[in-house]
C-alpha atoms as a PDB file:
ATOM      1  CA  UNK A   1      76.873 113.633  99.467  1.00  0.00           C
ATOM      2  CA  UNK A   2      78.597 117.620  99.031  1.00  0.00           C
ATOM      3  CA  UNK A   3      78.082 119.110  95.922  1.00  0.00           C
ATOM      4  CA  UNK A   4      81.018 120.455  96.929  1.00  0.00           C
ATOM      5  CA  UNK A   5      83.178 120.208  93.172  1.00  0.00           C
ATOM      6  CA  UNK A   6      80.503 121.692  90.990  1.00  0.00           C
ATOM      7  CA  UNK A   7      82.551 124.331  88.450  1.00  0.00           C
ATOM      8  CA  UNK A   8      85.773 122.993  89.462  1.00  0.00           C
ATOM      9  CA  UNK A   9      87.811 120.637  86.294  1.00  0.00           C
ATOM     10  CA  UNK A  10      89.132 117.585  86.734  1.00  0.00           C
ATOM     11  CA  UNK A  11      91.096 115.869  84.221  1.00  0.00           C
ATOM     12  CA  UNK A  12      91.516 111.690  84.963  1.00  0.00           C
ATOM     13  CA  UNK A  13      94.029 109.548  82.963  1.00  0.00           C
ATOM     14  CA  UNK A  14      92.800 106.420  82.388  1.00  0.00           C
ATOM     15  CA  UNK A  15      89.537 107.089  83.532  1.00  0.00           C
ATOM     16  CA  UNK A  16      87.648 104.681  81.041  1.00  0.00           C
ATOM     17  CA  UNK A  17      88.921 101.441  83.751  1.00  0.00           C
ATOM     18  CA  UNK A  18      89.902 100.827  87.066  1.00  0.00           C
ATOM     19  CA  UNK A  19      90.797 103.468  89.555  1.00  0.00           C
ATOM     20  CA  UNK A  20      90.625 105.870  86.941  1.00  0.00           C
ATOM     21  CA  UNK A  21      86.828 105.328  86.491  1.00  0.00           C
ATOM     22  CA  UNK A  22      86.130 104.815  89.795  1.00  0.00           C
ATOM     23  CA  UNK A  23      88.410 108.128  90.915  1.00  0.00           C
ATOM     24  CA  UNK A  24      86.377 109.822  88.512  1.00  0.00           C
ATOM     25  CA  UNK A  25      82.600 108.360  89.930  1.00  0.00           C
ATOM     26  CA  UNK A  26      83.088 109.442  93.205  1.00  0.00           C
ATOM     27  CA  UNK A  27      84.011 112.931  91.602  1.00  0.00           C
ATOM     28  CA  UNK A  28      81.547 113.625  89.859  1.00  0.00           C
ATOM     29  CA  UNK A  29      78.363 112.569  92.182  1.00  0.00           C
ATOM     30  CA  UNK A  30      80.681 116.077  93.823  1.00  0.00           C
ATOM     31  CA  UNK A  31      79.171 117.927  90.773  1.00  0.00           C
ATOM     32  CA  UNK A  32      83.079 117.234  88.843  1.00  0.00           C
ATOM     33  CA  UNK A  33      83.182 118.459  85.359  1.00  0.00           C
ATOM     34  CA  UNK A  34      84.899 116.067  84.269  1.00  0.00           C
ATOM     35  CA  UNK A  35      87.984 115.774  81.386  1.00  0.00           C
ATOM     36  CA  UNK A  36      88.321 111.573  80.621  1.00  0.00           C
ATOM     37  CA  UNK A  37      91.451 111.175  78.756  1.00  0.00           C
ATOM     38  CA  UNK A  38      92.346 108.379  76.970  1.00  0.00           C
ATOM     39  CA  UNK A  39      94.069 106.054  74.316  1.00  0.00           C
ATOM     40  CA  UNK A  40      90.763 104.503  73.809  1.00  0.00           C
ATOM     41  CA  UNK A  41      88.255 106.426  72.792  1.00  0.00           C
ATOM     42  CA  UNK A  42      85.474 103.431  72.643  1.00  0.00           C
ATOM     43  CA  UNK A  43      86.419 102.592  76.020  1.00  0.00           C
ATOM     44  CA  UNK A  44      86.048 106.601  77.292  1.00  0.00           C
ATOM     45  CA  UNK A  45      82.454 106.911  75.987  1.00  0.00           C
ATOM     46  CA  UNK A  46      81.715 104.122  77.905  1.00  0.00           C
ATOM     47  CA  UNK A  47      83.104 105.227  81.033  1.00  0.00           C
ATOM     48  CA  UNK A  48      80.988 108.530  79.739  1.00  0.00           C
ATOM     49  CA  UNK A  49      77.928 106.394  79.230  1.00  0.00           C
ATOM     50  CA  UNK A  50      78.157 104.264  82.891  1.00  0.00           C
ATOM     51  CA  UNK A  51      78.799 107.450  85.175  1.00  0.00           C
ATOM     52  CA  UNK A  52      75.652 109.325  82.886  1.00  0.00           C
ATOM     53  CA  UNK A  53      74.217 106.051  84.823  1.00  0.00           C
ATOM     54  CA  UNK A  54      75.290 106.345  87.654  1.00  0.00           C
ATOM     55  CA  UNK A  55      75.367 109.753  88.785  1.00  0.00           C
ATOM     56  CA  UNK A  56      72.008 112.019  88.315  1.00  0.00           C
ATOM     57  CA  UNK A  57      72.337 115.536  87.720  1.00  0.00           C
ATOM     58  CA  UNK A  58      76.360 115.781  86.120  1.00  0.00           C
ATOM     59  CA  UNK A  59      76.912 118.180  82.704  1.00  0.00           C
ATOM     60  CA  UNK A  60      78.623 114.914  80.194  1.00  0.00           C
ATOM     61  CA  UNK A  61      82.165 114.685  80.363  1.00  0.00           C
ATOM     62  CA  UNK A  62      84.633 114.910  77.843  1.00  0.00           C
ATOM     63  CA  UNK A  63      87.447 113.131  75.695  1.00  0.00           C
ATOM     64  CA  UNK A  64      90.583 113.435  75.664  1.00  0.00           C
ATOM     65  CA  UNK A  65      92.896 111.029  73.410  1.00  0.00           C
ATOM     66  CA  UNK A  66      95.482 110.071  75.413  1.00  0.00           C
ATOM     67  CA  UNK A  67      98.660 107.529  74.319  1.00  0.00           C
ATOM     68  CA  UNK A  68     101.418 108.329  77.231  1.00  0.00           C
ATOM     69  CA  UNK A  69     103.311 105.925  75.311  1.00  0.00           C
ATOM     70  CA  UNK A  70     103.682 108.035  72.452  1.00  0.00           C
ATOM     71  CA  UNK A  71     105.107 111.845  72.968  1.00  0.00           C
ATOM     72  CA  UNK A  72     103.570 113.143  70.827  1.00  0.00           C
ATOM     73  CA  UNK A  73      99.824 111.841  71.751  1.00  0.00           C
ATOM     74  CA  UNK A  74     100.683 113.786  74.836  1.00  0.00           C
ATOM     75  CA  UNK A  75     101.704 116.889  73.186  1.00  0.00           C
ATOM     76  CA  UNK A  76      98.659 116.822  71.477  1.00  0.00           C
ATOM     77  CA  UNK A  77      96.403 116.124  74.603  1.00  0.00           C
ATOM     78  CA  UNK A  78      98.590 119.082  76.109  1.00  0.00           C
ATOM     79  CA  UNK A  79      97.582 121.332  73.471  1.00  0.00           C
ATOM     80  CA  UNK A  80      93.904 119.963  73.979  1.00  0.00           C
ATOM     81  CA  UNK A  81      93.906 120.595  77.662  1.00  0.00           C
ATOM     82  CA  UNK A  82      95.951 123.646  77.961  1.00  0.00           C
ATOM     83  CA  UNK A  83      92.639 125.476  75.867  1.00  0.00           C
ATOM     84  CA  UNK A  84      90.364 124.407  79.335  1.00  0.00           C
ATOM     85  CA  UNK A  85      89.120 127.444  81.021  1.00  0.00           C
ATOM     86  CA  UNK A  86      91.018 125.228  83.965  1.00  0.00           C
ATOM     87  CA  UNK A  87      91.627 122.695  85.512  1.00  0.00           C
ATOM     88  CA  UNK A  88      91.739 122.449  89.316  1.00  0.00           C
ATOM     89  CA  UNK A  89      93.457 119.318  89.133  1.00  0.00           C
ATOM     90  CA  UNK A  90      95.173 117.001  87.569  1.00  0.00           C
ATOM     91  CA  UNK A  91      94.814 113.259  88.065  1.00  0.00           C
ATOM     92  CA  UNK A  92      97.520 111.298  86.448  1.00  0.00           C
ATOM     93  CA  UNK A  93      96.446 108.072  86.941  1.00  0.00           C
ATOM     94  CA  UNK A  94      97.180 105.983  83.766  1.00  0.00           C
ATOM     95  CA  UNK A  95      99.775 103.588  83.002  1.00  0.00           C
ATOM     96  CA  UNK A  96     100.409  99.797  83.144  1.00  0.00           C
ATOM     97  CA  UNK A  97     101.448  97.158  85.512  1.00  0.00           C
ATOM     98  CA  UNK A  98     103.044  95.039  82.917  1.00  0.00           C
ATOM     99  CA  UNK A  99     105.309  94.737  80.191  1.00  0.00           C
ATOM    100  CA  UNK A 100     108.138  92.535  78.556  1.00  0.00           C
ATOM    101  CA  UNK A 101     111.370  92.614  78.293  1.00  0.00           C
ATOM    102  CA  UNK A 102     111.477  93.767  74.529  1.00  0.00           C
ATOM    103  CA  UNK A 103     108.199  95.542  75.106  1.00  0.00           C
ATOM    104  CA  UNK A 104     108.970  99.740  74.189  1.00  0.00           C
ATOM    105  CA  UNK A 105     106.582 102.670  73.695  1.00  0.00           C
ATOM    106  CA  UNK A 106     107.058 105.193  70.291  1.00  0.00           C
ATOM    107  CA  UNK A 107     109.258 106.724  71.477  1.00  0.00           C
ATOM    108  CA  UNK A 108     111.771 103.721  72.241  1.00  0.00           C
ATOM    109  CA  UNK A 109     111.508 104.032  76.346  1.00  0.00           C
ATOM    110  CA  UNK A 110     111.065 100.833  78.818  1.00  0.00           C
ATOM    111  CA  UNK A 111     107.434 100.570  78.394  1.00  0.00           C
ATOM    112  CA  UNK A 112     106.655 101.292  82.130  1.00  0.00           C
ATOM    113  CA  UNK A 113     109.130 103.906  82.745  1.00  0.00           C
ATOM    114  CA  UNK A 114     108.520 105.371  79.638  1.00  0.00           C
ATOM    115  CA  UNK A 115     104.655 105.516  80.184  1.00  0.00           C
ATOM    116  CA  UNK A 116     104.200 106.150  83.580  1.00  0.00           C
ATOM    117  CA  UNK A 117     106.639 107.915  84.603  1.00  0.00           C
ATOM    118  CA  UNK A 118     107.794 110.031  81.495  1.00  0.00           C
ATOM    119  CA  UNK A 119     104.414 109.826  80.112  1.00  0.00           C
ATOM    120  CA  UNK A 120     103.123 112.065  82.539  1.00  0.00           C
ATOM    121  CA  UNK A 121     106.427 113.914  83.082  1.00  0.00           C
ATOM    122  CA  UNK A 122     106.276 115.331  79.270  1.00  0.00           C
ATOM    123  CA  UNK A 123     101.851 115.479  80.072  1.00  0.00           C
ATOM    124  CA  UNK A 124     102.268 117.771  83.516  1.00  0.00           C
ATOM    125  CA  UNK A 125     105.493 119.456  81.888  1.00  0.00           C
ATOM    126  CA  UNK A 126     103.361 121.128  78.893  1.00  0.00           C
ATOM    127  CA  UNK A 127      99.721 121.546  80.612  1.00  0.00           C
ATOM    128  CA  UNK A 128     101.546 123.472  83.690  1.00  0.00           C
ATOM    129  CA  UNK A 129     101.032 126.396  82.606  1.00  0.00           C
ATOM    130  CA  UNK A 130      96.751 125.987  83.423  1.00  0.00           C
ATOM    131  CA  UNK A 131      97.804 124.547  86.052  1.00  0.00           C
ATOM    132  CA  UNK A 132      99.239 127.464  87.603  1.00  0.00           C
ATOM    133  CA  UNK A 133      97.304 129.922  86.378  1.00  0.00           C
ATOM    134  CA  UNK A 134      94.795 127.682  88.564  1.00  0.00           C
ATOM    135  CA  UNK A 135      94.321 129.024  92.273  1.00  0.00           C
ATOM    136  CA  UNK A 136      94.824 126.453  94.835  1.00  0.00           C
ATOM    137  CA  UNK A 137      94.915 123.712  91.543  1.00  0.00           C
ATOM    138  CA  UNK A 138      96.504 119.833  92.290  1.00  0.00           C
ATOM    139  CA  UNK A 139      98.487 117.086  90.751  1.00  0.00           C
ATOM    140  CA  UNK A 140      97.509 113.798  92.103  1.00  0.00           C
ATOM    141  CA  UNK A 141      99.795 111.102  91.345  1.00  0.00           C
ATOM    142  CA  UNK A 142      99.155 107.680  91.218  1.00  0.00           C
ATOM    143  CA  UNK A 143     101.915 106.522  93.658  1.00  0.00           C
ATOM    144  CA  UNK A 144     101.937 102.676  94.481  1.00  0.00           C
ATOM    145  CA  UNK A 145     103.580 100.289  97.773  1.00  0.00           C
ATOM    146  CA  UNK A 146     105.655  98.184  95.580  1.00  0.00           C
ATOM    147  CA  UNK A 147     108.064 101.741  95.353  1.00  0.00           C
ATOM    148  CA  UNK A 148     109.100 100.433  98.532  1.00  0.00           C
ATOM    149  CA  UNK A 149     110.629  96.982  96.694  1.00  0.00           C
ATOM    150  CA  UNK A 150     113.441  98.295  95.273  1.00  0.00           C
ATOM    151  CA  UNK A 151     115.607 101.545  94.338  1.00  0.00           C
ATOM    152  CA  UNK A 152     115.716 103.611  91.251  1.00  0.00           C
ATOM    153  CA  UNK A 153     118.110 102.868  89.194  1.00  0.00           C
ATOM    154  CA  UNK A 154     119.056 105.593  86.528  1.00  0.00           C
ATOM    155  CA  UNK A 155     121.538 103.320  85.339  1.00  0.00           C
ATOM    156  CA  UNK A 156     119.352 100.809  83.594  1.00  0.00           C
ATOM    157  CA  UNK A 157     119.553 101.298  80.367  1.00  0.00           C
ATOM    158  CA  UNK A 158     116.417  98.643  79.712  1.00  0.00           C
ATOM    159  CA  UNK A 159     118.113  96.123  77.442  1.00  0.00           C
ATOM    160  CA  UNK A 160     116.132  93.054  77.770  1.00  0.00           C
ATOM    161  CA  UNK A 161     118.827  90.911  79.757  1.00  0.00           C
ATOM    162  CA  UNK A 162     118.111  93.380  82.476  1.00  0.00           C
ATOM    163  CA  UNK A 163     114.057  93.231  82.605  1.00  0.00           C
ATOM    164  CA  UNK A 164     112.062  91.599  85.077  1.00  0.00           C
ATOM    165  CA  UNK A 165     108.783  92.634  84.961  1.00  0.00           C
ATOM    166  CA  UNK A 166     107.712  93.115  88.956  1.00  0.00           C
ATOM    167  CA  UNK A 167     111.675  95.275  89.497  1.00  0.00           C
ATOM    168  CA  UNK A 168     110.498  97.464  85.792  1.00  0.00           C
ATOM    169  CA  UNK A 169     106.760  98.368  87.597  1.00  0.00           C
ATOM    170  CA  UNK A 170     108.366  99.290  91.182  1.00  0.00           C
ATOM    171  CA  UNK A 171     110.503 101.144  90.261  1.00  0.00           C
ATOM    172  CA  UNK A 172     108.447 103.120  87.327  1.00  0.00           C
ATOM    173  CA  UNK A 173     106.671 104.251  90.611  1.00  0.00           C
ATOM    174  CA  UNK A 174     109.450 105.100  92.434  1.00  0.00           C
ATOM    175  CA  UNK A 175     110.045 107.729  90.256  1.00  0.00           C
ATOM    176  CA  UNK A 176     106.436 108.854  90.111  1.00  0.00           C
ATOM    177  CA  UNK A 177     106.664 109.997  93.225  1.00  0.00           C
ATOM    178  CA  UNK A 178     110.306 110.474  93.249  1.00  0.00           C
ATOM    179  CA  UNK A 179     109.250 113.418  90.777  1.00  0.00           C
ATOM    180  CA  UNK A 180     106.042 114.315  92.506  1.00  0.00           C
ATOM    181  CA  UNK A 181     107.478 114.924  96.097  1.00  0.00           C
ATOM    182  CA  UNK A 182     110.202 117.345  94.454  1.00  0.00           C
ATOM    183  CA  UNK A 183     107.784 118.845  92.283  1.00  0.00           C
ATOM    184  CA  UNK A 184     106.079 119.899  94.806  1.00  0.00           C
ATOM    185  CA  UNK A 185     109.374 120.896  96.594  1.00  0.00           C
ATOM    186  CA  UNK A 186     109.946 123.346  94.091  1.00  0.00           C
ATOM    187  CA  UNK A 187     106.890 124.350  93.251  1.00  0.00           C
ATOM    188  CA  UNK A 188     106.924 125.735  97.447  1.00  0.00           C
ATOM    189  CA  UNK A 189     110.387 127.309  96.316  1.00  0.00           C
ATOM    190  CA  UNK A 190     109.103 129.076  93.577  1.00  0.00           C
ATOM    191  CA  UNK A 191     105.604 130.417  95.092  1.00  0.00           C
ATOM    192  CA  UNK A 192     103.085 128.376  93.676  1.00  0.00           C
ATOM    193  CA  UNK A 193      99.747 127.855  95.398  1.00  0.00           C
ATOM    194  CA  UNK A 194     100.153 124.202  93.313  1.00  0.00           C
ATOM    195  CA  UNK A 195      99.513 120.928  94.721  1.00  0.00           C
ATOM    196  CA  UNK A 196     101.424 117.878  93.629  1.00  0.00           C
ATOM    197  CA  UNK A 197     100.555 114.779  95.724  1.00  0.00           C
ATOM    198  CA  UNK A 198     100.873 111.192  95.933  1.00  0.00           C
ATOM    199  CA  UNK A 199      98.063 108.833  96.489  1.00  0.00           C
ATOM    200  CA  UNK A 200      97.875 104.736  96.519  1.00  0.00           C
ATOM    201  CA  UNK A 201      95.171 102.613  96.502  1.00  0.00           C
ATOM    202  CA  UNK A 202      96.278  99.960  98.927  1.00  0.00           C
ATOM    203  CA  UNK A 203      95.256  96.514  97.040  1.00  0.00           C
ATOM    204  CA  UNK A 204      93.345  96.906  94.771  1.00  0.00           C
ATOM    205  CA  UNK A 205      91.293  93.875  92.962  1.00  0.00           C
ATOM    206  CA  UNK A 206      88.741  93.599  90.477  1.00  0.00           C
ATOM    207  CA  UNK A 207      87.161  90.365  91.963  1.00  0.00           C
ATOM    208  CA  UNK A 208      85.632  93.116  94.687  1.00  0.00           C
ATOM    209  CA  UNK A 209      85.151  95.647  92.299  1.00  0.00           C
ATOM    210  CA  UNK A 210      81.280  96.438  91.504  1.00  0.00           C
ATOM    211  CA  UNK A 211      79.706  96.444  88.064  1.00  0.00           C
ATOM    212  CA  UNK A 212      79.545  98.687  86.080  1.00  0.00           C
ATOM    213  CA  UNK A 213      78.382  97.399  81.970  1.00  0.00           C
ATOM    214  CA  UNK A 214      80.936  98.380  79.579  1.00  0.00           C
ATOM    215  CA  UNK A 215      83.586  98.874  82.522  1.00  0.00           C
ATOM    216  CA  UNK A 216      84.002  96.931  85.198  1.00  0.00           C
ATOM    217  CA  UNK A 217      83.992  93.266  85.949  1.00  0.00           C
ATOM    218  CA  UNK A 218      80.042  91.678  84.856  1.00  0.00           C
ATOM    219  CA  UNK A 219      80.995  88.617  86.870  1.00  0.00           C
ATOM    220  CA  UNK A 220      82.727  87.984  90.836  1.00  0.00           C
ATOM    221  CA  UNK A 221      83.615  85.372  93.033  1.00  0.00           C
ATOM    222  CA  UNK A 222      81.545  83.099  94.978  1.00  0.00           C
ATOM    223  CA  UNK A 223      81.174  85.169  98.404  1.00  0.00           C
ATOM    224  CA  UNK A 224      82.845  82.991  99.866  1.00  0.00           C
ATOM    225  CA  UNK A 225      85.942  83.733  98.275  1.00  0.00           C
ATOM    226  CA  UNK A 226      84.877  87.333  97.887  1.00  0.00           C
ATOM    227  CA  UNK A 227      84.555  87.134 102.172  1.00  0.00           C
ATOM    228  CA  UNK A 228      88.692  85.698 102.104  1.00  0.00           C
ATOM    229  CA  UNK A 229      90.230  88.154  99.606  1.00  0.00           C
ATOM    230  CA  UNK A 230      87.821  91.154 101.303  1.00  0.00           C
ATOM    231  CA  UNK A 231      90.398  90.291 104.343  1.00  0.00           C
ATOM    232  CA  UNK A 232      93.254  91.925 103.511  1.00  0.00           C
ATOM    233  CA  UNK A 233      92.603  93.177  99.371  1.00  0.00           C
ATOM    234  CA  UNK A 234      89.544  96.005  97.993  1.00  0.00           C
ATOM    235  CA  UNK A 235      87.459  96.696  95.324  1.00  0.00           C
ATOM    236  CA  UNK A 236      88.846  99.226  92.346  1.00  0.00           C
ATOM    237  CA  UNK A 237      85.788 102.112  94.733  1.00  0.00           C
ATOM    238  CA  UNK A 238      88.247 101.621  97.624  1.00  0.00           C
ATOM    239  CA  UNK A 239      90.793 102.301  95.949  1.00  0.00           C
ATOM    240  CA  UNK A 240      90.111 104.841  94.384  1.00  0.00           C
ATOM    241  CA  UNK A 241      89.603 107.057  98.130  1.00  0.00           C
ATOM    242  CA  UNK A 242      92.347 108.317  98.807  1.00  0.00           C
ATOM    243  CA  UNK A 243      92.735 109.744  95.406  1.00  0.00           C
ATOM    244  CA  UNK A 244      90.075 111.718  95.673  1.00  0.00           C
ATOM    245  CA  UNK A 245      91.171 112.834  99.153  1.00  0.00           C
ATOM    246  CA  UNK A 246      94.459 113.870  97.377  1.00  0.00           C
ATOM    247  CA  UNK A 247      91.899 115.358  94.079  1.00  0.00           C
ATOM    248  CA  UNK A 248      89.750 117.524  97.107  1.00  0.00           C
ATOM    249  CA  UNK A 249      90.625 117.405 100.759  1.00  0.00           C
ATOM    250  CA  UNK A 250      91.517 121.000 101.891  1.00  0.00           C
ATOM    251  CA  UNK A 251      93.738 120.053 105.195  1.00  0.00           C
ATOM    252  CA  UNK A 252      96.091 118.908 102.321  1.00  0.00           C
ATOM    253  CA  UNK A 253      99.450 121.379 101.403  1.00  0.00           C
ATOM    254  CA  UNK A 254     100.608 119.878  99.101  1.00  0.00           C
ATOM    255  CA  UNK A 255     103.979 116.667  99.019  1.00  0.00           C
ATOM    256  CA  UNK A 256     101.726 113.610 101.115  1.00  0.00           C
ATOM    257  CA  UNK A 257     101.913 110.322 101.002  1.00  0.00           C
ATOM    258  CA  UNK A 258      97.774 109.135 100.335  1.00  0.00           C
ATOM    259  CA  UNK A 259      96.873 104.870 101.747  1.00  0.00           C
ATOM    260  CA  UNK A 260      94.611 102.598 102.819  1.00  0.00           C
ATOM    261  CA  UNK A 261      94.762 102.891 107.243  1.00  0.00           C
ATOM    262  CA  UNK A 262      94.330  98.762 107.738  1.00  0.00           C
ATOM    263  CA  UNK A 263      97.670  96.198 107.743  1.00  0.00           C
ATOM    264  CA  UNK A 264     100.290  97.398 105.955  1.00  0.00           C
ATOM    265  CA  UNK A 265      98.276  99.911 103.730  1.00  0.00           C
ATOM    266  CA  UNK A 266      96.422  97.060 101.924  1.00  0.00           C
ATOM    267  CA  UNK A 267      92.999  97.845 102.564  1.00  0.00           C
ATOM    268  CA  UNK A 268      90.703 100.418 104.685  1.00  0.00           C
ATOM    269  CA  UNK A 269      90.473 104.183 105.007  1.00  0.00           C
ATOM    270  CA  UNK A 270      92.461 107.231 103.496  1.00  0.00           C
ATOM    271  CA  UNK A 271      94.606 108.029 105.650  1.00  0.00           C
ATOM    272  CA  UNK A 272      98.187 110.861 105.666  1.00  0.00           C
ATOM    273  CA  UNK A 273     100.700 107.568 105.333  1.00  0.00           C
ATOM    274  CA  UNK A 274     105.187 107.594 104.726  1.00  0.00           C
ATOM    275  CA  UNK A 275     106.703 106.894 102.198  1.00  0.00           C
ATOM    276  CA  UNK A 276     110.442 104.823 101.833  1.00  0.00           C
ATOM    277  CA  UNK A 277     112.770 107.589 102.546  1.00  0.00           C
ATOM    278  CA  UNK A 278     114.738 107.416  98.613  1.00  0.00           C
ATOM    279  CA  UNK A 279     111.266 108.123  97.463  1.00  0.00           C
ATOM    280  CA  UNK A 280     112.101 112.250  99.231  1.00  0.00           C
ATOM    281  CA  UNK A 281     116.478 111.495  98.370  1.00  0.00           C
ATOM    282  CA  UNK A 282     116.694 115.205  96.773  1.00  0.00           C
ATOM    283  CA  UNK A 283     119.801 114.214  94.451  1.00  0.00           C
ATOM    284  CA  UNK A 284     118.266 111.335  93.644  1.00  0.00           C
ATOM    285  CA  UNK A 285     115.446 113.378  92.046  1.00  0.00           C
ATOM    286  CA  UNK A 286     117.167 116.382  90.746  1.00  0.00           C
ATOM    287  CA  UNK A 287     119.145 113.315  88.696  1.00  0.00           C
ATOM    288  CA  UNK A 288     115.377 111.837  87.441  1.00  0.00           C
ATOM    289  CA  UNK A 289     114.142 115.254  86.342  1.00  0.00           C
ATOM    290  CA  UNK A 290     117.210 116.560  84.473  1.00  0.00           C
ATOM    291  CA  UNK A 291     117.337 112.532  83.140  1.00  0.00           C
ATOM    292  CA  UNK A 292     113.338 113.014  82.177  1.00  0.00           C
ATOM    293  CA  UNK A 293     113.925 116.482  80.841  1.00  0.00           C
ATOM    294  CA  UNK A 294     116.405 115.348  78.337  1.00  0.00           C
ATOM    295  CA  UNK A 295     114.576 111.946  77.350  1.00  0.00           C
ATOM    296  CA  UNK A 296     111.448 113.461  77.151  1.00  0.00           C
ATOM    297  CA  UNK A 297     112.556 116.767  74.763  1.00  0.00           C
ATOM    298  CA  UNK A 298     110.317 119.381  77.258  1.00  0.00           C
ATOM    299  CA  UNK A 299     110.934 122.033  80.775  1.00  0.00           C
ATOM    300  CA  UNK A 300     109.641 121.592  83.267  1.00  0.00           C
ATOM    301  CA  UNK A 301     110.174 125.345  83.836  1.00  0.00           C
ATOM    302  CA  UNK A 302     108.408 126.343  87.791  1.00  0.00           C
END
């Protein structure tokens, strides 16, 4: 593999496990200087140890404490990241996939919307000057095929009686994607060369993921079970391929949606694919942008 990322700094939120870890590992093989932004320093150190074992001749990745469910933590992390010489790529990967009716962020937001979207919105807003100052920088947002299933309800007040776990997750990822596409449109409009791109991993399972000491699963199912799962799913290592493509491919101009090329986008090599039209609705995007600024107390000015 070519080391075409030598000298480039890549920040991976949630780079201590799962898709984030394998994204970091694949970027490290290409020579990237890595920053692992995570809420758990012990797990981040295990991931850094794994990266140093798995990838030869890399600079030791650094760690920044980031809890996306706490806007004060986001602000502190943004201040620390702003001290980097440059940010070539920000991979906004971290997030949660499950919640309960009464689970909230530190600031009182419904946990999945607050973590997956608002936390990253606040982080991106605050590190945007550093991104704009780096020629050809990119922001890669983690989307999901689940964005197809439920429209974005910005009037939902997050009350327990309205909470449903999968719809709430799906809408949080739709919010991520709607913001990402609108961000790229506004970046182009303002004449910047920073690109905003969405990637999704398909159906990526721990059961099909290579073992990494202290990071990945230590056991895997029987070979027959694995073979069955591989007909419609893939490991987190393969799920990272679209993210890495979005972070590095020179032909991408911004605003693309990258995912697996296989059946129903569940598995396979990455390609540019199509997102559901409502993720690019400019009226919804404008309203989401204003709401996100109000809720996070940040201003994203381009």
